[in-house]
């Protein structure tokens, strides 16, 4: 699974269920930016990956699809 698939899955399957606009506000992005990330129309910056890792407390390896193990940040 790739980054865009992981972040969409996390947003939709994690409590509370967030809309793109809501996660955008939390992460300091526009709804359009979140949509473009989730549909793989743009690649995430290092800073955006970091924001997702911190918010979901997950390793970048998981978000980037390098592992299927949901390891928390250390």
N, C-alpha and C. Protein backbone atom coordinates (compact mmCIF):
# COMPACT_ATOMS: atom_id res chain seq x y z
N UNK A 1 0.84 -1.17 0.00
CA UNK A 1 0.00 0.00 0.00
C UNK A 1 0.89 1.24 0.00
N UNK A 2 0.49 2.26 -0.72
CA UNK A 2 1.29 3.48 -0.82
C UNK A 2 0.80 4.57 0.13
N UNK A 3 1.60 5.63 0.24
CA UNK A 3 1.30 6.73 1.15
C UNK A 3 -0.13 7.24 0.98
N UNK A 4 -0.51 7.54 -0.25
CA UNK A 4 -1.84 8.12 -0.47
C UNK A 4 -2.95 7.19 0.00
N UNK A 5 -2.75 5.89 -0.15
CA UNK A 5 -3.75 4.93 0.30
C UNK A 5 -3.77 4.84 1.83
N UNK A 6 -2.60 4.88 2.42
CA UNK A 6 -2.51 4.78 3.89
C UNK A 6 -3.18 5.98 4.57
N UNK A 7 -2.88 7.21 4.06
CA UNK A 7 -3.43 8.37 4.77
C UNK A 7 -4.95 8.45 4.61
N UNK A 8 -5.45 8.03 3.48
CA UNK A 8 -6.91 8.03 3.30
C UNK A 8 -7.55 6.99 4.23
N UNK A 9 -6.96 5.80 4.26
CA UNK A 9 -7.46 4.74 5.13
C UNK A 9 -7.45 5.18 6.60
N UNK A 10 -6.37 5.79 7.02
CA UNK A 10 -6.27 6.26 8.41
C UNK A 10 -7.35 7.30 8.70
N UNK A 11 -7.53 8.23 7.81
CA UNK A 11 -8.52 9.29 8.03
C UNK A 11 -9.93 8.71 8.11
N UNK A 12 -10.24 7.75 7.26
CA UNK A 12 -11.59 7.20 7.21
C UNK A 12 -11.85 6.13 8.27
N UNK A 13 -10.82 5.41 8.69
CA UNK A 13 -11.02 4.26 9.58
C UNK A 13 -10.65 4.51 11.04
N UNK A 14 -10.07 5.66 11.34
CA UNK A 14 -9.65 5.97 12.70
C UNK A 14 -10.71 6.84 13.37
N UNK A 15 -10.97 6.55 14.63
CA UNK A 15 -11.90 7.38 15.40
C UNK A 15 -11.18 8.61 15.89
N UNK A 16 -11.71 9.78 15.79
CA UNK A 16 -12.96 10.08 15.12
C UNK A 16 -12.77 10.10 13.60
N UNK A 17 -13.82 9.75 12.86
CA UNK A 17 -13.78 9.80 11.40
C UNK A 17 -13.71 11.26 11.00
N UNK A 18 -12.67 11.62 10.28
CA UNK A 18 -12.47 13.02 9.91
C UNK A 18 -12.72 13.23 8.43
N UNK A 19 -13.22 14.41 8.10
CA UNK A 19 -13.34 14.82 6.71
C UNK A 19 -12.00 15.38 6.28
N UNK A 20 -11.79 15.49 4.98
CA UNK A 20 -10.55 16.05 4.47
C UNK A 20 -10.31 17.45 5.02
N UNK A 21 -11.35 18.23 5.10
CA UNK A 21 -11.22 19.60 5.62
C UNK A 21 -10.75 19.59 7.07
N UNK A 22 -11.27 18.65 7.86
CA UNK A 22 -10.91 18.58 9.27
C UNK A 22 -9.46 18.18 9.47
N UNK A 23 -9.00 17.15 8.74
CA UNK A 23 -7.59 16.74 8.90
C UNK A 23 -6.69 17.83 8.36
N UNK A 24 -7.15 18.53 7.34
CA UNK A 24 -6.39 19.65 6.81
C UNK A 24 -6.17 20.73 7.84
N UNK A 25 -7.22 21.07 8.57
CA UNK A 25 -7.11 22.08 9.62
C UNK A 25 -6.15 21.63 10.71
N UNK A 26 -6.24 20.38 11.09
CA UNK A 26 -5.36 19.84 12.12
C UNK A 26 -3.90 19.88 11.68
N UNK A 27 -3.65 19.55 10.42
CA UNK A 27 -2.29 19.44 9.92
C UNK A 27 -1.78 20.71 9.24
N UNK A 28 -2.63 21.74 9.18
CA UNK A 28 -2.20 22.99 8.58
C UNK A 28 -2.16 22.95 7.06
N UNK A 29 -3.12 22.24 6.46
CA UNK A 29 -3.21 22.12 5.01
C UNK A 29 -4.62 22.48 4.57
N UNK A 30 -4.76 22.78 3.31
CA UNK A 30 -6.10 23.01 2.78
C UNK A 30 -6.77 21.67 2.48
N UNK A 31 -8.08 21.69 2.35
CA UNK A 31 -8.82 20.48 1.97
C UNK A 31 -8.35 20.02 0.60
N UNK A 32 -8.07 20.96 -0.29
CA UNK A 32 -7.60 20.63 -1.64
C UNK A 32 -6.27 19.88 -1.58
N UNK A 33 -5.37 20.32 -0.74
CA UNK A 33 -4.07 19.66 -0.60
C UNK A 33 -4.25 18.24 -0.10
N UNK A 34 -5.11 18.05 0.91
CA UNK A 34 -5.37 16.71 1.45
C UNK A 34 -5.95 15.82 0.35
N UNK A 35 -6.89 16.35 -0.41
CA UNK A 35 -7.49 15.60 -1.51
C UNK A 35 -6.45 15.19 -2.53
N UNK A 36 -5.57 16.10 -2.89
CA UNK A 36 -4.52 15.80 -3.88
C UNK A 36 -3.54 14.76 -3.35
N UNK A 37 -3.24 14.79 -2.06
CA UNK A 37 -2.38 13.77 -1.46
C UNK A 37 -3.07 12.41 -1.47
N UNK A 38 -4.36 12.39 -1.12
CA UNK A 38 -5.11 11.13 -1.02
C UNK A 38 -5.42 10.50 -2.37
N UNK A 39 -5.35 11.27 -3.43
CA UNK A 39 -5.61 10.73 -4.77
C UNK A 39 -4.32 10.59 -5.57
N UNK A 40 -3.19 10.79 -4.92
CA UNK A 40 -1.87 10.64 -5.52
C UNK A 40 -1.64 11.61 -6.68
N UNK A 41 -2.27 12.77 -6.61
CA UNK A 41 -2.07 13.80 -7.64
C UNK A 41 -0.89 14.70 -7.31
N UNK A 42 -0.39 14.60 -6.10
CA UNK A 42 0.81 15.32 -5.69
C UNK A 42 1.55 14.46 -4.68
N UNK A 43 2.84 14.63 -4.63
CA UNK A 43 3.65 13.87 -3.68
C UNK A 43 3.82 14.69 -2.40
N UNK A 44 3.83 14.02 -1.26
CA UNK A 44 3.97 14.74 0.01
C UNK A 44 5.39 15.26 0.20
N UNK A 45 5.47 16.38 0.87
CA UNK A 45 6.78 16.89 1.27
C UNK A 45 7.21 16.14 2.52
N UNK A 46 8.46 16.27 2.85
CA UNK A 46 8.97 15.66 4.08
C UNK A 46 8.21 16.20 5.28
N UNK A 47 7.93 17.49 5.28
CA UNK A 47 7.20 18.12 6.39
C UNK A 47 5.78 17.55 6.51
N UNK A 48 5.11 17.32 5.39
CA UNK A 48 3.76 16.75 5.41
C UNK A 48 3.77 15.33 5.94
N UNK A 49 4.75 14.54 5.52
CA UNK A 49 4.87 13.18 6.04
C UNK A 49 5.08 13.22 7.55
N UNK A 50 5.92 14.13 7.99
CA UNK A 50 6.20 14.29 9.43
C UNK A 50 4.92 14.64 10.19
N UNK A 51 4.10 15.54 9.65
CA UNK A 51 2.85 15.92 10.31
C UNK A 51 1.91 14.73 10.46
N UNK A 52 1.78 13.94 9.41
CA UNK A 52 0.92 12.75 9.48
C UNK A 52 1.47 11.76 10.51
N UNK A 53 2.79 11.55 10.51
CA UNK A 53 3.40 10.63 11.48
C UNK A 53 3.11 11.06 12.91
N UNK A 54 3.27 12.33 13.18
CA UNK A 54 3.04 12.85 14.53
C UNK A 54 1.57 12.73 14.90
N UNK A 55 0.68 13.16 14.02
CA UNK A 55 -0.75 13.13 14.35
C UNK A 55 -1.23 11.70 14.62
N UNK A 56 -0.84 10.75 13.77
CA UNK A 56 -1.30 9.38 13.94
C UNK A 56 -0.36 8.53 14.80
N UNK A 57 0.75 9.12 15.26
CA UNK A 57 1.74 8.42 16.08
C UNK A 57 2.16 7.11 15.41
N UNK A 58 2.55 7.24 14.14
CA UNK A 58 3.00 6.08 13.37
C UNK A 58 4.32 6.38 12.69
N UNK A 59 5.09 5.34 12.47
CA UNK A 59 6.38 5.50 11.81
C UNK A 59 6.20 5.89 10.35
N UNK A 60 7.18 6.60 9.82
CA UNK A 60 7.17 6.96 8.40
C UNK A 60 7.24 5.70 7.54
N UNK A 61 7.92 4.67 8.02
CA UNK A 61 8.01 3.42 7.26
C UNK A 61 6.62 2.86 6.97
N UNK A 62 5.73 2.92 7.94
CA UNK A 62 4.37 2.44 7.73
C UNK A 62 3.63 3.33 6.74
N UNK A 63 3.69 4.64 6.96
CA UNK A 63 2.96 5.56 6.09
C UNK A 63 3.45 5.50 4.65
N UNK A 64 4.74 5.26 4.47
CA UNK A 64 5.31 5.21 3.12
C UNK A 64 5.18 3.83 2.47
N UNK A 65 4.60 2.88 3.21
CA UNK A 65 4.38 1.56 2.65
C UNK A 65 5.60 0.66 2.66
N UNK A 66 6.59 1.00 3.47
CA UNK A 66 7.80 0.18 3.56
C UNK A 66 7.62 -1.01 4.49
N UNK A 67 6.61 -0.94 5.34
CA UNK A 67 6.27 -2.04 6.25
C UNK A 67 4.76 -2.00 6.48
N UNK A 68 4.21 -3.14 6.84
CA UNK A 68 2.79 -3.20 7.17
C UNK A 68 2.57 -3.15 8.69
N UNK A 69 3.67 -3.08 9.43
CA UNK A 69 3.61 -3.04 10.89
C UNK A 69 3.36 -1.60 11.35
N UNK A 70 2.28 -1.40 12.08
CA UNK A 70 1.95 -0.06 12.61
C UNK A 70 2.76 0.20 13.87
N UNK A 71 3.99 0.66 13.67
CA UNK A 71 4.85 0.96 14.81
C UNK A 71 4.68 2.42 15.23
N UNK A 72 4.53 2.65 16.54
CA UNK A 72 4.42 4.04 17.00
C UNK A 72 5.77 4.75 16.90
N UNK A 73 5.72 6.07 16.93
CA UNK A 73 6.95 6.84 16.94
C UNK A 73 7.71 6.58 18.23
N UNK A 74 9.00 6.68 18.17
CA UNK A 74 9.82 6.45 19.37
C UNK A 74 10.11 7.76 20.04
